[in-house]
Amino acid sequence: MSTSTSPAFAAPTHTREIAGRLWNAVAAGDEHTATDVVLRALDEGLDPETVLLDVIATVQVRVGEEWAANRISVAQEHAATAINERAVTALALHPTARPTPSRGRITVACVDGEWHALPARLLAEVLRLRGWQVDYLGAQVPAPHLISHLHTTKADAVALSSSIPTRLPAAHAAITACQAIGVPVLVGGAAFGSDGRYAQLLGAQAWAPDARAAADRLAEGPLPRPQTDHQELDDLPHLADQEYTLVARNSDSLVRTVFLALQDALPAMHAYDDMQRERTAEDLARIVEFLAAALYLGDEDLFTRFITWTARILRARKVPAQSLPPALNLFARELKDFPRASRVLKRGIEALTTDHTAAGTLA
């Protein structure tokens, strides 16, 4: 690759300028220009970690914001993410991004069911840059496969990533499994809360808000060794009431029952086309998933944050919200014998009535 500087790629004065260039390429779906932006920044002396975290990661955050505001479609969001992932790959192959491992060994993986792999990939590359030997396992790693890998590699620690709170029960299972064989766990990602509250609740040895902080924490010294006789109910005694298990196990029948009842509550649903009906069913299933997660964690606020966020997302898409409260009421009717679930759903209904931006529909 040529290292000459053309007018289009004049040496930038700030990472924000580079991030702007990368965003323009990503938004246009131009993979070659996006990769060129990243490689030119490296050739011009910007250190790889800065490119990863202050350029590529910054652009990826904007991708999510643009999707939430309905300025780009789901397909465009997926395409943009794929381009950013390929930009990370190009960076990893650059001569300035190939240090010799000088520290221990870390396994980086997404929890089972977590498809948002870019945050974990960014962490893996930052750790490599800082001298760690890294085993990056990618998206959706079932706990048994993770444990088998750890038995083989004897990693010093595991870094687990999750962006979606509904994956926290799977995260807890993975954390507990790693600890059972004596491997400490650092967790990160939006699923664990902006303050790491769920990381502490689920018993992880450490939490970090971002890749830079995670690398800094691992550089401070070894994570504390876990207790190998740990049990999940030690952390979450409320699970003894079986509400989480029963709701999660019966989610399909719950969705079917509420979908049929919602048609009576909202006659307009009878005119829905197949796509609208499918999306309504998907949204009802998502409500059950977040309800189950709230029951698992014993945190009603997790559900209210989700339901008001959903209403705002739908509002951005100019879809009225009249079906949200009826849907929650119907779920509450079906789960009337579940005290904790009833309280969570009641809180969700109250949150919708007090959130003035909550105007949207499940369709």
Protein backbone atom coordinates (compact mmCIF):
# COMPACT_ATOMS: atom_id res chain seq x y z
CA MET A 1 0.00 0.00 0.00
CA SER A 2 1.26 3.44 -0.88
CA THR A 3 2.12 5.72 2.03
CA SER A 4 1.99 8.92 0.00
CA THR A 5 -0.46 11.55 1.22
CA SER A 6 -3.09 12.65 -1.29
CA PRO A 7 -5.25 15.76 -0.77
CA ALA A 8 -8.17 13.50 0.17
CA PHE A 9 -6.10 11.98 2.97
CA ALA A 10 -4.14 14.94 4.26
CA ALA A 11 -2.70 14.34 7.74
CA PRO A 12 -5.57 14.91 10.20
CA THR A 13 -5.14 17.21 13.17
CA HIS A 14 -7.45 15.35 15.47
CA THR A 15 -9.00 11.91 15.90
CA ARG A 16 -12.43 13.52 15.57
CA GLU A 17 -11.59 14.44 12.00
CA ILE A 18 -10.57 10.86 11.25
CA ALA A 19 -13.72 9.56 12.89
CA GLY A 20 -15.71 11.91 10.69
CA ARG A 21 -14.01 10.51 7.59
CA LEU A 22 -14.66 6.97 8.71
CA TRP A 23 -18.31 7.77 9.43
CA ASN A 24 -18.76 9.21 5.94
CA ALA A 25 -17.33 6.05 4.40
CA VAL A 26 -19.33 3.74 6.66
CA ALA A 27 -22.57 5.65 6.04
CA ALA A 28 -21.97 5.39 2.31
CA GLY A 29 -21.31 1.65 2.56
CA ASP A 30 -17.81 2.20 1.17
CA GLU A 31 -15.67 -0.55 2.70
CA HIS A 32 -12.53 0.29 0.71
CA THR A 33 -12.50 3.96 1.74
CA ALA A 34 -13.27 3.03 5.34
CA THR A 35 -10.31 0.67 5.44
CA ASP A 36 -8.13 3.28 3.74
CA VAL A 37 -9.06 5.87 6.39
CA VAL A 38 -7.94 3.51 9.16
CA LEU A 39 -4.71 2.44 7.48
CA ARG A 40 -3.76 5.99 6.53
CA ALA A 41 -4.25 7.09 10.13
CA LEU A 42 -1.82 4.37 11.23
CA ASP A 43 0.67 5.25 8.50
CA GLU A 44 0.56 8.88 9.61
CA GLY A 45 1.50 7.95 13.17
CA LEU A 46 -1.73 7.59 15.12
CA ASP A 47 -1.33 4.73 17.57
CA PRO A 48 -3.49 1.66 16.93
CA GLU A 49 -5.31 1.75 20.29
CA THR A 50 -6.47 5.30 19.62
CA VAL A 51 -7.71 4.29 16.18
CA LEU A 52 -9.60 1.36 17.67
CA LEU A 53 -11.25 3.19 20.55
CA ASP A 54 -11.44 6.84 19.53
CA VAL A 55 -12.16 6.32 15.85
CA ILE A 56 -13.76 2.94 15.07
CA ALA A 57 -15.60 2.56 18.39
CA THR A 58 -16.78 6.17 18.23
CA VAL A 59 -18.20 5.60 14.76
CA GLN A 60 -19.92 2.40 15.93
CA VAL A 61 -21.63 4.31 18.74
CA ARG A 62 -22.92 6.75 16.16
CA VAL A 63 -24.22 3.84 14.07
CA GLY A 64 -26.36 2.77 17.02
CA GLU A 65 -27.57 6.30 17.63
CA GLU A 66 -28.54 6.75 13.99
CA TRP A 67 -30.50 3.50 14.04
CA ALA A 68 -32.31 4.48 17.27
CA ALA A 69 -33.28 7.82 15.72
CA ASN A 70 -34.61 5.99 12.62
CA ARG A 71 -32.14 7.76 10.35
CA ILE A 72 -30.71 4.45 9.11
CA SER A 73 -32.40 1.09 8.61
CA VAL A 74 -31.61 -2.21 10.28
CA ALA A 75 -29.92 -3.34 7.06
CA GLN A 76 -27.79 -0.19 6.97
CA GLU A 77 -26.87 -0.68 10.64
CA HIS A 78 -25.75 -4.24 9.92
CA ALA A 79 -23.75 -3.15 6.87
CA ALA A 80 -22.07 -0.34 8.82
CA THR A 81 -21.15 -2.74 11.63
CA ALA A 82 -19.69 -5.21 9.14
CA ILE A 83 -17.55 -2.46 7.60
CA ASN A 84 -16.27 -1.44 11.02
CA GLU A 85 -15.43 -5.08 11.77
CA ARG A 86 -13.41 -5.31 8.56
CA ALA A 87 -11.65 -2.06 9.47
CA VAL A 88 -10.61 -3.68 12.76
CA THR A 89 -9.26 -6.66 10.84
CA ALA A 90 -7.26 -4.39 8.56
CA LEU A 91 -5.82 -2.58 11.58
CA ALA A 92 -4.86 -5.85 13.26
CA LEU A 93 -2.74 -6.78 10.22
CA HIS A 94 -0.89 -3.45 10.11
CA PRO A 95 2.83 -3.64 11.07
CA THR A 96 2.33 -1.15 13.92
CA ALA A 97 -0.31 -3.40 15.51
CA ARG A 98 1.68 -6.61 15.95
CA PRO A 99 3.47 -6.53 19.30
CA THR A 100 5.16 -9.63 20.69
CA PRO A 101 3.15 -11.13 23.58
CA SER A 102 4.84 -10.31 26.87
CA ARG A 103 2.08 -10.86 29.43
CA GLY A 104 -0.32 -13.68 30.26
CA ARG A 105 -3.17 -15.26 28.34
CA ILE A 106 -6.73 -13.93 28.18
CA THR A 107 -9.82 -15.46 26.60
CA VAL A 108 -12.31 -12.93 25.18
CA ALA A 109 -15.81 -14.09 24.27
CA CYS A 110 -19.44 -13.04 23.99
CA VAL A 111 -21.93 -14.86 26.19
CA ASP A 112 -24.26 -17.42 24.68
CA GLY A 113 -26.94 -15.70 22.59
CA GLU A 114 -25.01 -12.44 22.25
CA TRP A 115 -24.48 -11.56 18.59
CA HIS A 116 -23.01 -8.08 19.09
CA ALA A 117 -19.38 -9.12 18.76
CA LEU A 118 -17.65 -5.84 17.89
CA PRO A 119 -17.18 -4.63 21.51
CA ALA A 120 -15.48 -7.91 22.39
CA ARG A 121 -13.35 -7.75 19.25
CA LEU A 122 -12.21 -4.24 20.14
CA LEU A 123 -11.19 -5.44 23.61
CA ALA A 124 -9.33 -8.41 22.15
CA GLU A 125 -7.30 -6.15 19.86
CA VAL A 126 -6.54 -3.65 22.64
CA LEU A 127 -5.29 -6.46 24.87
CA ARG A 128 -3.09 -7.78 22.06
CA LEU A 129 -1.64 -4.31 21.58
CA ARG A 130 -0.81 -4.24 25.28
CA GLY A 131 1.12 -7.49 25.10
CA TRP A 132 -1.41 -10.14 26.08
CA GLN A 133 -1.81 -13.45 24.29
CA VAL A 134 -5.50 -13.35 23.38
CA ASP A 135 -7.89 -16.11 22.39
CA TYR A 136 -10.84 -14.32 20.78
CA LEU A 137 -13.81 -16.67 20.50
CA GLY A 138 -16.31 -14.28 18.93
CA ALA A 139 -20.08 -14.11 19.25
CA GLN A 140 -22.47 -16.45 21.04
CA VAL A 141 -20.16 -18.86 22.86
CA PRO A 142 -22.02 -21.58 24.81
CA ALA A 143 -20.65 -22.04 28.32
CA PRO A 144 -19.64 -25.71 27.83
CA HIS A 145 -17.51 -24.78 24.80
CA LEU A 146 -15.96 -21.90 26.72
CA ILE A 147 -15.04 -24.19 29.60
CA SER A 148 -13.58 -26.80 27.25
CA HIS A 149 -11.43 -24.08 25.70
CA LEU A 150 -10.23 -22.90 29.11
CA HIS A 151 -9.23 -26.41 30.11
CA THR A 152 -7.07 -26.53 26.98
CA THR A 153 -5.46 -23.10 27.14
CA LYS A 154 -5.09 -22.49 30.91
CA ALA A 155 -6.02 -18.82 30.47
CA ASP A 156 -5.25 -16.41 33.30
CA ALA A 157 -8.69 -14.81 32.99
CA VAL A 158 -11.82 -14.60 30.88
CA ALA A 159 -13.32 -11.37 29.55
CA LEU A 160 -17.04 -11.80 28.81
CA SER A 161 -19.06 -9.32 26.78
CA SER A 162 -22.82 -8.81 26.57
CA SER A 163 -24.81 -5.91 25.18
CA ILE A 164 -28.33 -7.21 25.77
CA PRO A 165 -29.70 -7.60 29.33
CA THR A 166 -31.80 -10.61 28.30
CA ARG A 167 -28.54 -12.53 27.98
CA LEU A 168 -27.60 -11.97 31.63
CA PRO A 169 -28.92 -15.35 32.83
CA ALA A 170 -26.60 -16.97 30.26
CA ALA A 171 -23.82 -14.65 31.40
CA HIS A 172 -24.36 -15.77 35.00
CA ALA A 173 -24.11 -19.40 33.95
CA ALA A 174 -20.86 -18.69 32.11
CA ILE A 175 -19.40 -16.71 35.01
CA THR A 176 -20.25 -19.49 37.46
CA ALA A 177 -18.84 -22.17 35.16
CA CYS A 178 -15.55 -20.31 34.73
CA GLN A 179 -15.25 -19.75 38.45
CA ALA A 180 -15.95 -23.43 39.14
CA ILE A 181 -12.67 -24.30 37.40
CA GLY A 182 -10.80 -21.48 39.11
CA VAL A 183 -10.69 -18.94 36.26
CA PRO A 184 -11.54 -15.33 37.23
CA VAL A 185 -13.94 -13.33 35.07
CA LEU A 186 -14.00 -9.71 33.95
CA VAL A 187 -17.24 -8.58 32.33
CA GLY A 188 -18.27 -5.61 30.24
CA GLY A 189 -20.90 -4.37 27.86
CA ALA A 190 -24.16 -2.46 28.13
CA ALA A 191 -26.01 -5.48 29.53
CA PHE A 192 -24.17 -5.21 32.85
CA GLY A 193 -25.43 -1.67 33.48
CA SER A 194 -23.74 1.69 33.07
CA ASP A 195 -22.38 1.36 36.61
CA GLY A 196 -21.67 -2.38 36.49
CA ARG A 197 -24.43 -3.19 38.98
CA TYR A 198 -25.24 -6.53 37.37
CA ALA A 199 -21.59 -7.54 37.20
CA GLN A 200 -21.43 -7.31 40.97
CA LEU A 201 -24.79 -9.02 41.41
CA LEU A 202 -23.73 -11.95 39.22
CA GLY A 203 -20.44 -12.36 41.07
CA ALA A 204 -17.87 -11.40 38.42
CA GLN A 205 -14.38 -10.65 39.73
CA ALA A 206 -14.24 -7.34 37.85
CA TRP A 207 -16.23 -5.05 35.57
CA ALA A 208 -15.11 -2.39 33.14
CA PRO A 209 -17.18 0.23 31.30
CA ASP A 210 -15.12 0.02 28.12
CA ALA A 211 -12.17 -1.70 26.47
CA ARG A 212 -9.59 0.82 27.67
CA ALA A 213 -10.72 0.49 31.28
CA ALA A 214 -10.76 -3.30 30.98
CA ALA A 215 -7.18 -3.34 29.69
CA ASP A 216 -6.13 -0.97 32.47
CA ARG A 217 -7.73 -3.22 35.10
CA LEU A 218 -5.97 -6.31 33.79
CA ALA A 219 -2.68 -4.41 33.74
CA GLU A 220 -3.01 -3.60 37.44
CA GLY A 221 -2.44 -7.19 38.41
CA PRO A 222 -4.13 -10.62 38.47
CA LEU A 223 -7.84 -10.75 39.14
CA PRO A 224 -8.77 -12.36 42.48
CA ARG A 225 -9.14 -16.11 42.29
CA PRO A 226 -12.76 -17.26 42.54
CA GLN A 227 -14.33 -19.64 45.01
CA THR A 228 -14.79 -22.96 43.24
CA ASP A 229 -17.83 -24.06 45.27
CA HIS A 230 -19.98 -21.04 44.34
CA GLN A 231 -23.72 -21.53 43.73
CA GLU A 232 -25.98 -19.21 41.70
CA LEU A 233 -28.64 -19.05 44.41
CA ASP A 234 -26.04 -17.59 46.77
CA ASP A 235 -26.19 -14.45 44.61
CA LEU A 236 -29.87 -14.52 43.71
CA PRO A 237 -31.96 -16.03 46.53
CA HIS A 238 -35.17 -14.69 44.97
CA LEU A 239 -34.84 -17.34 42.24
CA ALA A 240 -36.15 -19.85 44.76
CA ASP A 241 -39.71 -18.71 43.98
CA GLN A 242 -39.38 -20.22 40.46
CA GLU A 243 -41.08 -17.22 38.79
CA TYR A 244 -38.18 -16.69 36.41
CA THR A 245 -38.04 -20.36 35.46
CA LEU A 246 -41.78 -20.65 34.86
CA VAL A 247 -42.03 -17.43 32.82
CA ALA A 248 -39.00 -18.31 30.70
CA ARG A 249 -40.16 -21.88 30.17
CA ASN A 250 -43.68 -20.84 29.14
CA SER A 251 -42.76 -17.79 27.06
CA ASP A 252 -44.10 -19.17 23.77
CA SER A 253 -47.53 -19.95 25.17
CA LEU A 254 -47.63 -16.58 26.93
CA VAL A 255 -46.94 -14.77 23.68
CA ARG A 256 -49.59 -16.76 21.79
CA THR A 257 -52.23 -16.14 24.45
CA VAL A 258 -51.53 -12.41 24.71
CA PHE A 259 -51.34 -12.01 20.92
CA LEU A 260 -54.82 -13.48 20.49
CA ALA A 261 -56.25 -11.43 23.36
CA LEU A 262 -54.62 -8.26 22.04
CA GLN A 263 -56.60 -8.62 18.81
CA ASP A 264 -59.79 -8.26 20.83
CA ALA A 265 -58.40 -5.32 22.80
CA LEU A 266 -57.21 -3.59 19.63
CA PRO A 267 -59.59 -4.32 16.74
CA ALA A 268 -57.26 -2.55 14.32
CA MET A 269 -54.96 -5.59 14.58
CA HIS A 270 -57.41 -7.61 12.49
CA ALA A 271 -56.37 -5.49 9.50
CA TYR A 272 -52.64 -6.12 10.01
CA ASP A 273 -50.75 -7.72 7.17
CA ASP A 274 -48.48 -10.71 7.73
CA MET A 275 -45.42 -8.54 8.36
CA GLN A 276 -47.20 -6.44 10.98
CA ARG A 277 -48.49 -9.53 12.74
CA GLU A 278 -45.02 -11.06 12.76
CA ARG A 279 -43.47 -7.93 14.19
CA THR A 280 -46.16 -7.70 16.86
CA ALA A 281 -45.43 -11.28 17.91
CA GLU A 282 -41.69 -10.53 17.97
CA ASP A 283 -42.24 -7.49 20.17
CA LEU A 284 -44.43 -9.46 22.56
CA ALA A 285 -41.71 -12.09 22.78
CA ARG A 286 -39.18 -9.36 23.55
CA ILE A 287 -41.38 -8.09 26.39
CA VAL A 288 -41.40 -11.58 27.89
CA GLU A 289 -37.62 -11.84 27.53
CA PHE A 290 -37.07 -8.60 29.42
CA LEU A 291 -39.66 -9.54 32.01
CA ALA A 292 -37.79 -12.80 32.57
CA ALA A 293 -34.48 -10.96 32.86
CA ALA A 294 -35.97 -8.57 35.41
CA LEU A 295 -37.26 -11.54 37.41
CA TYR A 296 -33.87 -13.25 37.23
CA LEU A 297 -32.03 -10.19 38.49
CA GLY A 298 -34.73 -9.07 40.91
CA ASP A 299 -34.64 -5.61 39.31
CA GLU A 300 -37.91 -3.98 38.27
CA ASP A 301 -36.07 -0.96 36.85
CA LEU A 302 -34.51 -3.11 34.13
CA PHE A 303 -37.97 -3.74 32.70
CA THR A 304 -39.19 -0.16 33.00
CA ARG A 305 -36.08 1.11 31.23
CA PHE A 306 -36.70 -1.35 28.42
CA ILE A 307 -40.39 -0.57 28.01
CA THR A 308 -39.92 3.21 27.96
CA TRP A 309 -36.96 2.84 25.57
CA THR A 310 -39.16 0.72 23.31
CA ALA A 311 -41.84 3.40 23.30
CA ARG A 312 -39.28 6.06 22.36
CA ILE A 313 -37.84 3.93 19.57
CA LEU A 314 -41.32 3.41 18.17
CA ARG A 315 -42.09 7.10 18.51
CA ALA A 316 -39.00 7.87 16.41
CA ARG A 317 -40.57 5.63 13.78
CA LYS A 318 -43.86 7.58 14.01
CA VAL A 319 -45.82 4.58 15.23
CA PRO A 320 -48.52 5.22 17.89
CA ALA A 321 -48.11 3.47 21.25
CA GLN A 322 -51.60 2.51 22.20
CA SER A 323 -50.85 -1.22 22.22
CA LEU A 324 -48.11 -1.16 24.85
CA PRO A 325 -50.23 -0.67 28.01
CA PRO A 326 -52.92 -3.17 26.86
CA ALA A 327 -50.23 -5.75 26.12
CA LEU A 328 -48.71 -5.32 29.57
CA ASN A 329 -52.16 -5.56 31.17
CA LEU A 330 -52.81 -8.78 29.31
CA PHE A 331 -49.49 -10.24 30.45
CA ALA A 332 -50.38 -9.20 34.00
CA ARG A 333 -53.71 -11.00 33.70
CA GLU A 334 -51.98 -14.19 32.59
CA LEU A 335 -49.40 -13.91 35.37
CA LYS A 336 -51.74 -12.82 38.17
CA ASP A 337 -50.48 -15.66 40.38
CA PHE A 338 -46.87 -14.46 40.05
CA PRO A 339 -46.39 -11.63 42.60
CA ARG A 340 -43.01 -10.42 41.38
CA ALA A 341 -43.99 -10.54 37.71
CA SER A 342 -47.19 -8.65 38.48
CA ARG A 343 -45.23 -5.92 40.23
CA VAL A 344 -42.79 -5.61 37.35
CA LEU A 345 -45.58 -5.30 34.79
CA LYS A 346 -47.42 -2.76 36.95
CA ARG A 347 -44.26 -0.67 37.13
CA GLY A 348 -43.96 -0.86 33.36
CA ILE A 349 -47.50 0.39 32.86
CA GLU A 350 -46.92 3.24 35.32
CA ALA A 351 -43.69 4.18 33.56
CA LEU A 352 -45.48 4.43 30.21
CA THR A 353 -48.13 6.74 31.63
CA THR A 354 -45.55 9.09 33.17
CA ASP A 355 -43.08 9.07 30.25
CA HIS A 356 -44.41 11.82 27.98
CA THR A 357 -42.28 10.66 25.04
CA ALA A 358 -43.75 7.16 25.16
CA ALA A 359 -45.95 7.20 22.10
CA GLY A 360 -45.61 4.18 19.83
CA THR A 361 -47.02 0.77 19.07
CA LEU A 362 -45.78 -2.76 18.98
CA ALA A 363 -46.72 -3.15 15.35
